[in-house]
Amino acid sequence: MKNITITDEIREAIIKACESVGSQTELGSLTGVNPVYIGRYIAKKNKKMSLEVFQKLIPVITPFFSDEYSKQIRLTIRVVFFYEVINPCT
């Protein structure tokens, strides 16, 4: 399973998304991500998250990224998607 590093930008975007929707529990309900993991990402107890979890969070946290970071994330997602298409068994 592919993992991504939780950068400060991602962590801050998760915090802002929680504030925007009201709580970690609500963010979990909206995205299908266990609120316990959301709390661990915020508290820096988890340094990485699975690509599957990131894909669930990305629609909600993207609005909280800077324009430059948002461009970097979109490029990363494209590269990972392309890699998964050409290497489906890995």
PDB file of N, CA and C in Angstrom:
ATOM      1  N   MET A   1       0.845  -1.180   0.000  1.00  0.00           N
ATOM      2  CA  MET A   1       0.000   0.000   0.000  1.00  0.00           C
ATOM      3  C   MET A   1       0.887   1.239   0.000  1.00  0.00           C
ATOM      4  N   LYS A   2       0.517   2.203  -0.753  1.00  0.00           N
ATOM      5  CA  LYS A   2       1.267   3.447  -0.862  1.00  0.00           C
ATOM      6  C   LYS A   2       0.915   4.369   0.308  1.00  0.00           C
ATOM      7  N   ASN A   3       1.934   5.045   0.809  1.00  0.00           N
ATOM      8  CA  ASN A   3       1.746   6.009   1.888  1.00  0.00           C
ATOM      9  C   ASN A   3       2.300   7.356   1.474  1.00  0.00           C
ATOM     10  N   ILE A   4       1.738   8.396   2.042  1.00  0.00           N
ATOM     11  CA  ILE A   4       2.279   9.728   1.825  1.00  0.00           C
ATOM     12  C   ILE A   4       2.679  10.316   3.179  1.00  0.00           C
ATOM     13  N   THR A   5       3.667  11.153   3.150  1.00  0.00           N
ATOM     14  CA  THR A   5       4.118  11.841   4.357  1.00  0.00           C
ATOM     15  C   THR A   5       3.154  12.975   4.668  1.00  0.00           C
ATOM     16  N   ILE A   6       2.808  13.088   5.931  1.00  0.00           N
ATOM     17  CA  ILE A   6       1.911  14.167   6.357  1.00  0.00           C
ATOM     18  C   ILE A   6       2.764  15.404   6.614  1.00  0.00           C
ATOM     19  N   THR A   7       2.729  16.321   5.679  1.00  0.00           N
ATOM     20  CA  THR A   7       3.490  17.559   5.803  1.00  0.00           C
ATOM     21  C   THR A   7       2.760  18.517   6.745  1.00  0.00           C
ATOM     22  N   ASP A   8       3.456  19.571   7.138  1.00  0.00           N
ATOM     23  CA  ASP A   8       2.810  20.599   7.961  1.00  0.00           C
ATOM     24  C   ASP A   8       1.626  21.210   7.227  1.00  0.00           C
ATOM     25  N   GLU A   9       1.742  21.362   5.906  1.00  0.00           N
ATOM     26  CA  GLU A   9       0.649  21.928   5.112  1.00  0.00           C
ATOM     27  C   GLU A   9      -0.586  21.029   5.153  1.00  0.00           C
ATOM     28  N   ILE A  10      -0.368  19.731   5.044  1.00  0.00           N
ATOM     29  CA  ILE A  10      -1.491  18.791   5.103  1.00  0.00           C
ATOM     30  C   ILE A  10      -2.112  18.816   6.495  1.00  0.00           C
ATOM     31  N   ARG A  11      -1.275  18.778   7.526  1.00  0.00           N
ATOM     32  CA  ARG A  11      -1.780  18.803   8.903  1.00  0.00           C
ATOM     33  C   ARG A  11      -2.584  20.073   9.167  1.00  0.00           C
ATOM     34  N   GLU A  12      -2.076  21.213   8.751  1.00  0.00           N
ATOM     35  CA  GLU A  12      -2.796  22.477   8.953  1.00  0.00           C
ATOM     36  C   GLU A  12      -4.121  22.486   8.183  1.00  0.00           C
ATOM     37  N   ALA A  13      -4.119  21.920   6.993  1.00  0.00           N
ATOM     38  CA  ALA A  13      -5.359  21.853   6.207  1.00  0.00           C
ATOM     39  C   ALA A  13      -6.389  20.948   6.894  1.00  0.00           C
ATOM     40  N   ILE A  14      -5.934  19.865   7.505  1.00  0.00           N
ATOM     41  CA  ILE A  14      -6.851  18.980   8.244  1.00  0.00           C
ATOM     42  C   ILE A  14      -7.433  19.725   9.434  1.00  0.00           C
ATOM     43  N   ILE A  15      -6.596  20.455  10.146  1.00  0.00           N
ATOM     44  CA  ILE A  15      -7.075  21.243  11.296  1.00  0.00           C
ATOM     45  C   ILE A  15      -8.130  22.253  10.840  1.00  0.00           C
ATOM     46  N   LYS A  16      -7.843  22.970   9.771  1.00  0.00           N
ATOM     47  CA  LYS A  16      -8.794  23.976   9.270  1.00  0.00           C
ATOM     48  C   LYS A  16     -10.082  23.328   8.772  1.00  0.00           C
ATOM     49  N   ALA A  17      -9.978  22.156   8.160  1.00  0.00           N
ATOM     50  CA  ALA A  17     -11.180  21.451   7.701  1.00  0.00           C
ATOM     51  C   ALA A  17     -12.035  21.032   8.894  1.00  0.00           C
ATOM     52  N   CYS A  18     -11.391  20.567   9.958  1.00  0.00           N
ATOM     53  CA  CYS A  18     -12.137  20.205  11.174  1.00  0.00           C
ATOM     54  C   CYS A  18     -12.857  21.423  11.744  1.00  0.00           C
ATOM     55  N   GLU A  19     -12.153  22.537  11.784  1.00  0.00           N
ATOM     56  CA  GLU A  19     -12.773  23.767  12.285  1.00  0.00           C
ATOM     57  C   GLU A  19     -13.936  24.184  11.397  1.00  0.00           C
ATOM     58  N   SER A  20     -13.770  24.012  10.101  1.00  0.00           N
ATOM     59  CA  SER A  20     -14.801  24.419   9.141  1.00  0.00           C
ATOM     60  C   SER A  20     -16.079  23.593   9.280  1.00  0.00           C
ATOM     61  N   VAL A  21     -15.924  22.291   9.491  1.00  0.00           N
ATOM     62  CA  VAL A  21     -17.109  21.421   9.580  1.00  0.00           C
ATOM     63  C   VAL A  21     -17.584  21.225  11.008  1.00  0.00           C
ATOM     64  N   GLY A  22     -16.756  21.624  11.989  1.00  0.00           N
ATOM     65  CA  GLY A  22     -17.199  21.579  13.375  1.00  0.00           C
ATOM     66  C   GLY A  22     -16.417  20.670  14.295  1.00  0.00           C
ATOM     67  N   SER A  23     -15.881  19.575  13.779  1.00  0.00           N
ATOM     68  CA  SER A  23     -15.144  18.654  14.656  1.00  0.00           C
ATOM     69  C   SER A  23     -14.434  17.581  13.843  1.00  0.00           C
ATOM     70  N   GLN A  24     -13.552  16.867  14.518  1.00  0.00           N
ATOM     71  CA  GLN A  24     -12.889  15.723  13.888  1.00  0.00           C
ATOM     72  C   GLN A  24     -13.912  14.634  13.556  1.00  0.00           C
ATOM     73  N   THR A  25     -14.884  14.468  14.437  1.00  0.00           N
ATOM     74  CA  THR A  25     -15.932  13.465  14.212  1.00  0.00           C
ATOM     75  C   THR A  25     -16.725  13.791  12.954  1.00  0.00           C
ATOM     76  N   GLU A  26     -17.064  15.056  12.796  1.00  0.00           N
ATOM     77  CA  GLU A  26     -17.832  15.461  11.614  1.00  0.00           C
ATOM     78  C   GLU A  26     -17.004  15.296  10.342  1.00  0.00           C
ATOM     79  N   LEU A  27     -15.729  15.655  10.397  1.00  0.00           N
ATOM     80  CA  LEU A  27     -14.864  15.454   9.238  1.00  0.00           C
ATOM     81  C   LEU A  27     -14.782  13.974   8.896  1.00  0.00           C
ATOM     82  N   GLY A  28     -14.693  13.143   9.916  1.00  0.00           N
ATOM     83  CA  GLY A  28     -14.685  11.704   9.697  1.00  0.00           C
ATOM     84  C   GLY A  28     -15.969  11.220   9.044  1.00  0.00           C
ATOM     85  N   SER A  29     -17.090  11.731   9.493  1.00  0.00           N
ATOM     86  CA  SER A  29     -18.380  11.346   8.905  1.00  0.00           C
ATOM     87  C   SER A  29     -18.475  11.774   7.446  1.00  0.00           C
ATOM     88  N   LEU A  30     -17.978  12.958   7.151  1.00  0.00           N
ATOM     89  CA  LEU A  30     -18.041  13.475   5.778  1.00  0.00           C
ATOM     90  C   LEU A  30     -17.123  12.720   4.821  1.00  0.00           C
ATOM     91  N   THR A  31     -15.980  12.261   5.330  1.00  0.00           N
ATOM     92  CA  THR A  31     -14.974  11.671   4.452  1.00  0.00           C
ATOM     93  C   THR A  31     -14.873  10.152   4.530  1.00  0.00           C
ATOM     94  N   GLY A  32     -15.416   9.577   5.590  1.00  0.00           N
ATOM     95  CA  GLY A  32     -15.267   8.136   5.778  1.00  0.00           C
ATOM     96  C   GLY A  32     -13.941   7.757   6.420  1.00  0.00           C
ATOM     97  N   VAL A  33     -13.245   8.750   6.977  1.00  0.00           N
ATOM     98  CA  VAL A  33     -11.978   8.510   7.665  1.00  0.00           C
ATOM     99  C   VAL A  33     -12.258   8.453   9.169  1.00  0.00           C
ATOM    100  N   ASN A  34     -11.726   7.443   9.831  1.00  0.00           N
ATOM    101  CA  ASN A  34     -11.923   7.285  11.264  1.00  0.00           C
ATOM    102  C   ASN A  34     -11.426   8.536  11.993  1.00  0.00           C
ATOM    103  N   PRO A  35     -12.271   9.150  12.818  1.00  0.00           N
ATOM    104  CA  PRO A  35     -11.865  10.361  13.544  1.00  0.00           C
ATOM    105  C   PRO A  35     -10.646  10.150  14.442  1.00  0.00           C
ATOM    106  N   VAL A  36     -10.429   8.933  14.905  1.00  0.00           N
ATOM    107  CA  VAL A  36      -9.236   8.640  15.714  1.00  0.00           C
ATOM    108  C   VAL A  36      -7.976   8.906  14.889  1.00  0.00           C
ATOM    109  N   TYR A  37      -7.999   8.481  13.625  1.00  0.00           N
ATOM    110  CA  TYR A  37      -6.845   8.729  12.763  1.00  0.00           C
ATOM    111  C   TYR A  37      -6.684  10.221  12.463  1.00  0.00           C
ATOM    112  N   ILE A  38      -7.795  10.897  12.270  1.00  0.00           N
ATOM    113  CA  ILE A  38      -7.722  12.349  12.046  1.00  0.00           C
ATOM    114  C   ILE A  38      -7.024  13.018  13.229  1.00  0.00           C
ATOM    115  N   GLY A  39      -7.398  12.622  14.432  1.00  0.00           N
ATOM    116  CA  GLY A  39      -6.753  13.157  15.628  1.00  0.00           C
ATOM    117  C   GLY A  39      -5.274  12.829  15.687  1.00  0.00           C
ATOM    118  N   ARG A  40      -4.915  11.627  15.264  1.00  0.00           N
ATOM    119  CA  ARG A  40      -3.496  11.237  15.257  1.00  0.00           C
ATOM    120  C   ARG A  40      -2.699  12.049  14.238  1.00  0.00           C
ATOM    121  N   TYR A  41      -3.314  12.341  13.095  1.00  0.00           N
ATOM    122  CA  TYR A  41      -2.628  13.173  12.093  1.00  0.00           C
ATOM    123  C   TYR A  41      -2.405  14.583  12.637  1.00  0.00           C
ATOM    124  N   ILE A  42      -3.416  15.125  13.282  1.00  0.00           N
ATOM    125  CA  ILE A  42      -3.313  16.474  13.842  1.00  0.00           C
ATOM    126  C   ILE A  42      -2.249  16.533  14.939  1.00  0.00           C
ATOM    127  N   ALA A  43      -2.209  15.507  15.785  1.00  0.00           N
ATOM    128  CA  ALA A  43      -1.277  15.473  16.922  1.00  0.00           C
ATOM    129  C   ALA A  43       0.134  15.035  16.520  1.00  0.00           C
ATOM    130  N   LYS A  44       0.339  14.781  15.243  1.00  0.00           N
ATOM    131  CA  LYS A  44       1.634  14.336  14.715  1.00  0.00           C
ATOM    132  C   LYS A  44       2.058  12.974  15.262  1.00  0.00           C
ATOM    133  N   LYS A  45       1.079  12.159  15.648  1.00  0.00           N
ATOM    134  CA  LYS A  45       1.389  10.803  16.113  1.00  0.00           C
ATOM    135  C   LYS A  45       1.580   9.856  14.937  1.00  0.00           C
ATOM    136  N   ASN A  46       0.965  10.180  13.824  1.00  0.00           N
ATOM    137  CA  ASN A  46       1.178   9.440  12.579  1.00  0.00           C
ATOM    138  C   ASN A  46       1.927  10.363  11.636  1.00  0.00           C
ATOM    139  N   LYS A  47       3.045   9.905  11.128  1.00  0.00           N
ATOM    140  CA  LYS A  47       3.849  10.696  10.193  1.00  0.00           C
ATOM    141  C   LYS A  47       3.439  10.463   8.747  1.00  0.00           C
ATOM    142  N   LYS A  48       2.709   9.372   8.514  1.00  0.00           N
ATOM    143  CA  LYS A  48       2.282   9.026   7.154  1.00  0.00           C
ATOM    144  C   LYS A  48       0.815   8.614   7.178  1.00  0.00           C
ATOM    145  N   MET A  49       0.182   8.692   6.008  1.00  0.00           N
ATOM    146  CA  MET A  49      -1.180   8.183   5.855  1.00  0.00           C
ATOM    147  C   MET A  49      -1.235   7.415   4.547  1.00  0.00           C
ATOM    148  N   SER A  50      -2.164   6.486   4.494  1.00  0.00           N
ATOM    149  CA  SER A  50      -2.294   5.707   3.266  1.00  0.00           C
ATOM    150  C   SER A  50      -2.839   6.591   2.152  1.00  0.00           C
ATOM    151  N   LEU A  51      -2.515   6.227   0.948  1.00  0.00           N
ATOM    152  CA  LEU A  51      -3.027   6.967  -0.204  1.00  0.00           C
ATOM    153  C   LEU A  51      -4.550   6.906  -0.224  1.00  0.00           C
ATOM    154  N   GLU A  52      -5.099   5.790   0.197  1.00  0.00           N
ATOM    155  CA  GLU A  52      -6.561   5.640   0.238  1.00  0.00           C
ATOM    156  C   GLU A  52      -7.196   6.684   1.164  1.00  0.00           C
ATOM    157  N   VAL A  53      -6.621   6.873   2.340  1.00  0.00           N
ATOM    158  CA  VAL A  53      -7.137   7.871   3.281  1.00  0.00           C
ATOM    159  C   VAL A  53      -6.946   9.273   2.712  1.00  0.00           C
ATOM    160  N   PHE A  54      -5.780   9.523   2.141  1.00  0.00           N
ATOM    161  CA  PHE A  54      -5.514  10.836   1.555  1.00  0.00           C
ATOM    162  C   PHE A  54      -6.532  11.162   0.469  1.00  0.00           C
ATOM    163  N   GLN A  55      -6.868  10.168  -0.346  1.00  0.00           N
ATOM    164  CA  GLN A  55      -7.848  10.384  -1.410  1.00  0.00           C
ATOM    165  C   GLN A  55      -9.222  10.727  -0.841  1.00  0.00           C
ATOM    166  N   LYS A  56      -9.544  10.206   0.326  1.00  0.00           N
ATOM    167  CA  LYS A  56     -10.817  10.543   0.970  1.00  0.00           C
ATOM    168  C   LYS A  56     -10.809  11.963   1.526  1.00  0.00           C
ATOM    169  N   LEU A  57      -9.656  12.389   2.039  1.00  0.00           N
ATOM    170  CA  LEU A  57      -9.559  13.713   2.657  1.00  0.00           C
ATOM    171  C   LEU A  57      -9.367  14.836   1.653  1.00  0.00           C
ATOM    172  N   ILE A  58      -8.726  14.540   0.544  1.00  0.00           N
ATOM    173  CA  ILE A  58      -8.295  15.598  -0.374  1.00  0.00           C
ATOM    174  C   ILE A  58      -9.410  16.546  -0.827  1.00  0.00           C
ATOM    175  N   PRO A  59     -10.622  16.054  -1.124  1.00  0.00           N
ATOM    176  CA  PRO A  59     -11.651  17.020  -1.552  1.00  0.00           C
ATOM    177  C   PRO A  59     -12.005  18.047  -0.472  1.00  0.00           C
ATOM    178  N   VAL A  60     -11.848  17.647   0.785  1.00  0.00           N
ATOM    179  CA  VAL A  60     -12.240  18.523   1.888  1.00  0.00           C
ATOM    180  C   VAL A  60     -11.094  19.431   2.342  1.00  0.00           C
ATOM    181  N   ILE A  61      -9.855  18.960   2.217  1.00  0.00           N
ATOM    182  CA  ILE A  61      -8.732  19.756   2.722  1.00  0.00           C
ATOM    183  C   ILE A  61      -8.087  20.646   1.662  1.00  0.00           C
ATOM    184  N   THR A  62      -8.295  20.331   0.386  1.00  0.00           N
ATOM    185  CA  THR A  62      -7.675  21.116  -0.686  1.00  0.00           C
ATOM    186  C   THR A  62      -7.968  22.618  -0.593  1.00  0.00           C
ATOM    187  N   PRO A  63      -9.194  23.039  -0.259  1.00  0.00           N
ATOM    188  CA  PRO A  63      -9.451  24.487  -0.186  1.00  0.00           C
ATOM    189  C   PRO A  63      -8.577  25.226   0.825  1.00  0.00           C
ATOM    190  N   PHE A  64      -7.946  24.490   1.730  1.00  0.00           N
ATOM    191  CA  PHE A  64      -7.134  25.116   2.769  1.00  0.00           C
ATOM    192  C   PHE A  64      -5.640  25.126   2.441  1.00  0.00           C
ATOM    193  N   PHE A  65      -5.278  24.634   1.269  1.00  0.00           N
ATOM    194  CA  PHE A  65      -3.883  24.673   0.826  1.00  0.00           C
ATOM    195  C   PHE A  65      -3.587  26.015   0.166  1.00  0.00           C
ATOM    196  N   SER A  66      -2.334  26.424   0.234  1.00  0.00           N
ATOM    197  CA  SER A  66      -1.906  27.587  -0.552  1.00  0.00           C
ATOM    198  C   SER A  66      -2.001  27.207  -2.025  1.00  0.00           C
ATOM    199  N   ASP A  67      -2.047  28.190  -2.902  1.00  0.00           N
ATOM    200  CA  ASP A  67      -2.128  27.909  -4.333  1.00  0.00           C
ATOM    201  C   ASP A  67      -0.951  27.062  -4.802  1.00  0.00           C
ATOM    202  N   GLU A  68       0.246  27.394  -4.341  1.00  0.00           N
ATOM    203  CA  GLU A  68       1.444  26.665  -4.760  1.00  0.00           C
ATOM    204  C   GLU A  68       1.399  25.211  -4.279  1.00  0.00           C
ATOM    205  N   TYR A  69       1.016  25.006  -3.031  1.00  0.00           N
ATOM    206  CA  TYR A  69       0.952  23.643  -2.500  1.00  0.00           C
ATOM    207  C   TYR A  69      -0.147  22.845  -3.195  1.00  0.00           C
ATOM    208  N   SER A  70      -1.244  23.490  -3.497  1.00  0.00           N
ATOM    209  CA  SER A  70      -2.336  22.831  -4.209  1.00  0.00           C
ATOM    210  C   SER A  70      -1.855  22.320  -5.569  1.00  0.00           C
ATOM    211  N   LYS A  71      -1.046  23.117  -6.265  1.00  0.00           N
ATOM    212  CA  LYS A  71      -0.491  22.680  -7.553  1.00  0.00           C
ATOM    213  C   LYS A  71       0.418  21.476  -7.363  1.00  0.00           C
ATOM    214  N   GLN A  72       1.242  21.494  -6.325  1.00  0.00           N
ATOM    215  CA  GLN A  72       2.136  20.372  -6.044  1.00  0.00           C
ATOM    216  C   GLN A  72       1.344  19.101  -5.760  1.00  0.00           C
ATOM    217  N   ILE A  73       0.295  19.229  -4.984  1.00  0.00           N
ATOM    218  CA  ILE A  73      -0.539  18.065  -4.637  1.00  0.00           C
ATOM    219  C   ILE A  73      -1.208  17.507  -5.880  1.00  0.00           C
ATOM    220  N   ARG A  74      -1.755  18.367  -6.722  1.00  0.00           N
ATOM    221  CA  ARG A  74      -2.406  17.883  -7.949  1.00  0.00           C
ATOM    222  C   ARG A  74      -1.417  17.121  -8.817  1.00  0.00           C
ATOM    223  N   LEU A  75      -0.198  17.610  -8.928  1.00  0.00           N
ATOM    224  CA  LEU A  75       0.819  16.923  -9.707  1.00  0.00           C
ATOM    225  C   LEU A  75       1.148  15.569  -9.079  1.00  0.00           C
ATOM    226  N   THR A  76       1.302  15.533  -7.776  1.00  0.00           N
ATOM    227  CA  THR A  76       1.592  14.283  -7.080  1.00  0.00           C
ATOM    228  C   THR A  76       0.486  13.264  -7.309  1.00  0.00           C
ATOM    229  N   ILE A  77      -0.762  13.700  -7.220  1.00  0.00           N
ATOM    230  CA  ILE A  77      -1.890  12.789  -7.424  1.00  0.00           C
ATOM    231  C   ILE A  77      -1.867  12.233  -8.840  1.00  0.00           C
ATOM    232  N   ARG A  78      -1.568  13.069  -9.811  1.00  0.00           N
ATOM    233  CA  ARG A  78      -1.498  12.600 -11.194  1.00  0.00           C
ATOM    234  C   ARG A  78      -0.405  11.555 -11.372  1.00  0.00           C
ATOM    235  N   VAL A  79       0.749  11.804 -10.783  1.00  0.00           N
ATOM    236  CA  VAL A  79       1.859  10.862 -10.898  1.00  0.00           C
ATOM    237  C   VAL A  79       1.497   9.531 -10.246  1.00  0.00           C
ATOM    238  N   VAL A  80       0.926   9.577  -9.059  1.00  0.00           N
ATOM    239  CA  VAL A  80       0.544   8.349  -8.362  1.00  0.00           C
ATOM    240  C   VAL A  80      -0.523   7.606  -9.153  1.00  0.00           C
ATOM    241  N   PHE A  81      -1.507   8.332  -9.661  1.00  0.00           N
ATOM    242  CA  PHE A  81      -2.559   7.694 -10.446  1.00  0.00           C
ATOM    243  C   PHE A  81      -1.963   7.015 -11.675  1.00  0.00           C
ATOM    244  N   PHE A  82      -1.075   7.695 -12.376  1.00  0.00           N
ATOM    245  CA  PHE A  82      -0.437   7.128 -13.552  1.00  0.00           C
ATOM    246  C   PHE A  82       0.344   5.880 -13.172  1.00  0.00           C
ATOM    247  N   TYR A  83       1.076   5.936 -12.077  1.00  0.00           N
ATOM    248  CA  TYR A  83       1.853   4.788 -11.614  1.00  0.00           C
ATOM    249  C   TYR A  83       0.935   3.603 -11.325  1.00  0.00           C
ATOM    250  N   GLU A  84      -0.198   3.857 -10.677  1.00  0.00           N
ATOM    251  CA  GLU A  84      -1.143   2.785 -10.352  1.00  0.00           C
ATOM    252  C   GLU A  84      -1.737   2.172 -11.623  1.00  0.00           C
ATOM    253  N   VAL A  85      -1.951   2.986 -12.643  1.00  0.00           N
ATOM    254  CA  VAL A  85      -2.512   2.483 -13.893  1.00  0.00           C
ATOM    255  C   VAL A  85      -1.516   1.568 -14.604  1.00  0.00           C
ATOM    256  N   ILE A  86      -0.241   1.975 -14.627  1.00  0.00           N
ATOM    257  CA  ILE A  86       0.736   1.155 -15.358  1.00  0.00           C
ATOM    258  C   ILE A  86       1.300   0.018 -14.525  1.00  0.00           C
ATOM    259  N   ASN A  87       1.110   0.048 -13.210  1.00  0.00           N
ATOM    260  CA  ASN A  87       1.598  -1.012 -12.301  1.00  0.00           C
ATOM    261  C   ASN A  87       0.471  -1.450 -11.364  1.00  0.00           C
ATOM    262  N   PRO A  88      -0.602  -2.008 -11.889  1.00  0.00           N
ATOM    263  CA  PRO A  88      -1.774  -2.291 -11.045  1.00  0.00           C
ATOM    264  C   PRO A  88      -1.540  -3.344  -9.966  1.00  0.00           C
ATOM    265  N   CYS A  89      -0.535  -4.152 -10.074  1.00  0.00           N
ATOM    266  CA  CYS A  89      -0.304  -5.237  -9.124  1.00  0.00           C
ATOM    267  C   CYS A  89       0.619  -4.861  -7.975  1.00  0.00           C
ATOM    268  N   THR A  90       1.162  -3.646  -7.991  1.00  0.00           N
ATOM    269  CA  THR A  90       2.109  -3.277  -6.938  1.00  0.00           C
ATOM    270  C   THR A  90       1.427  -2.602  -5.782  1.00  0.00           C
TER     271      THR A  90
END
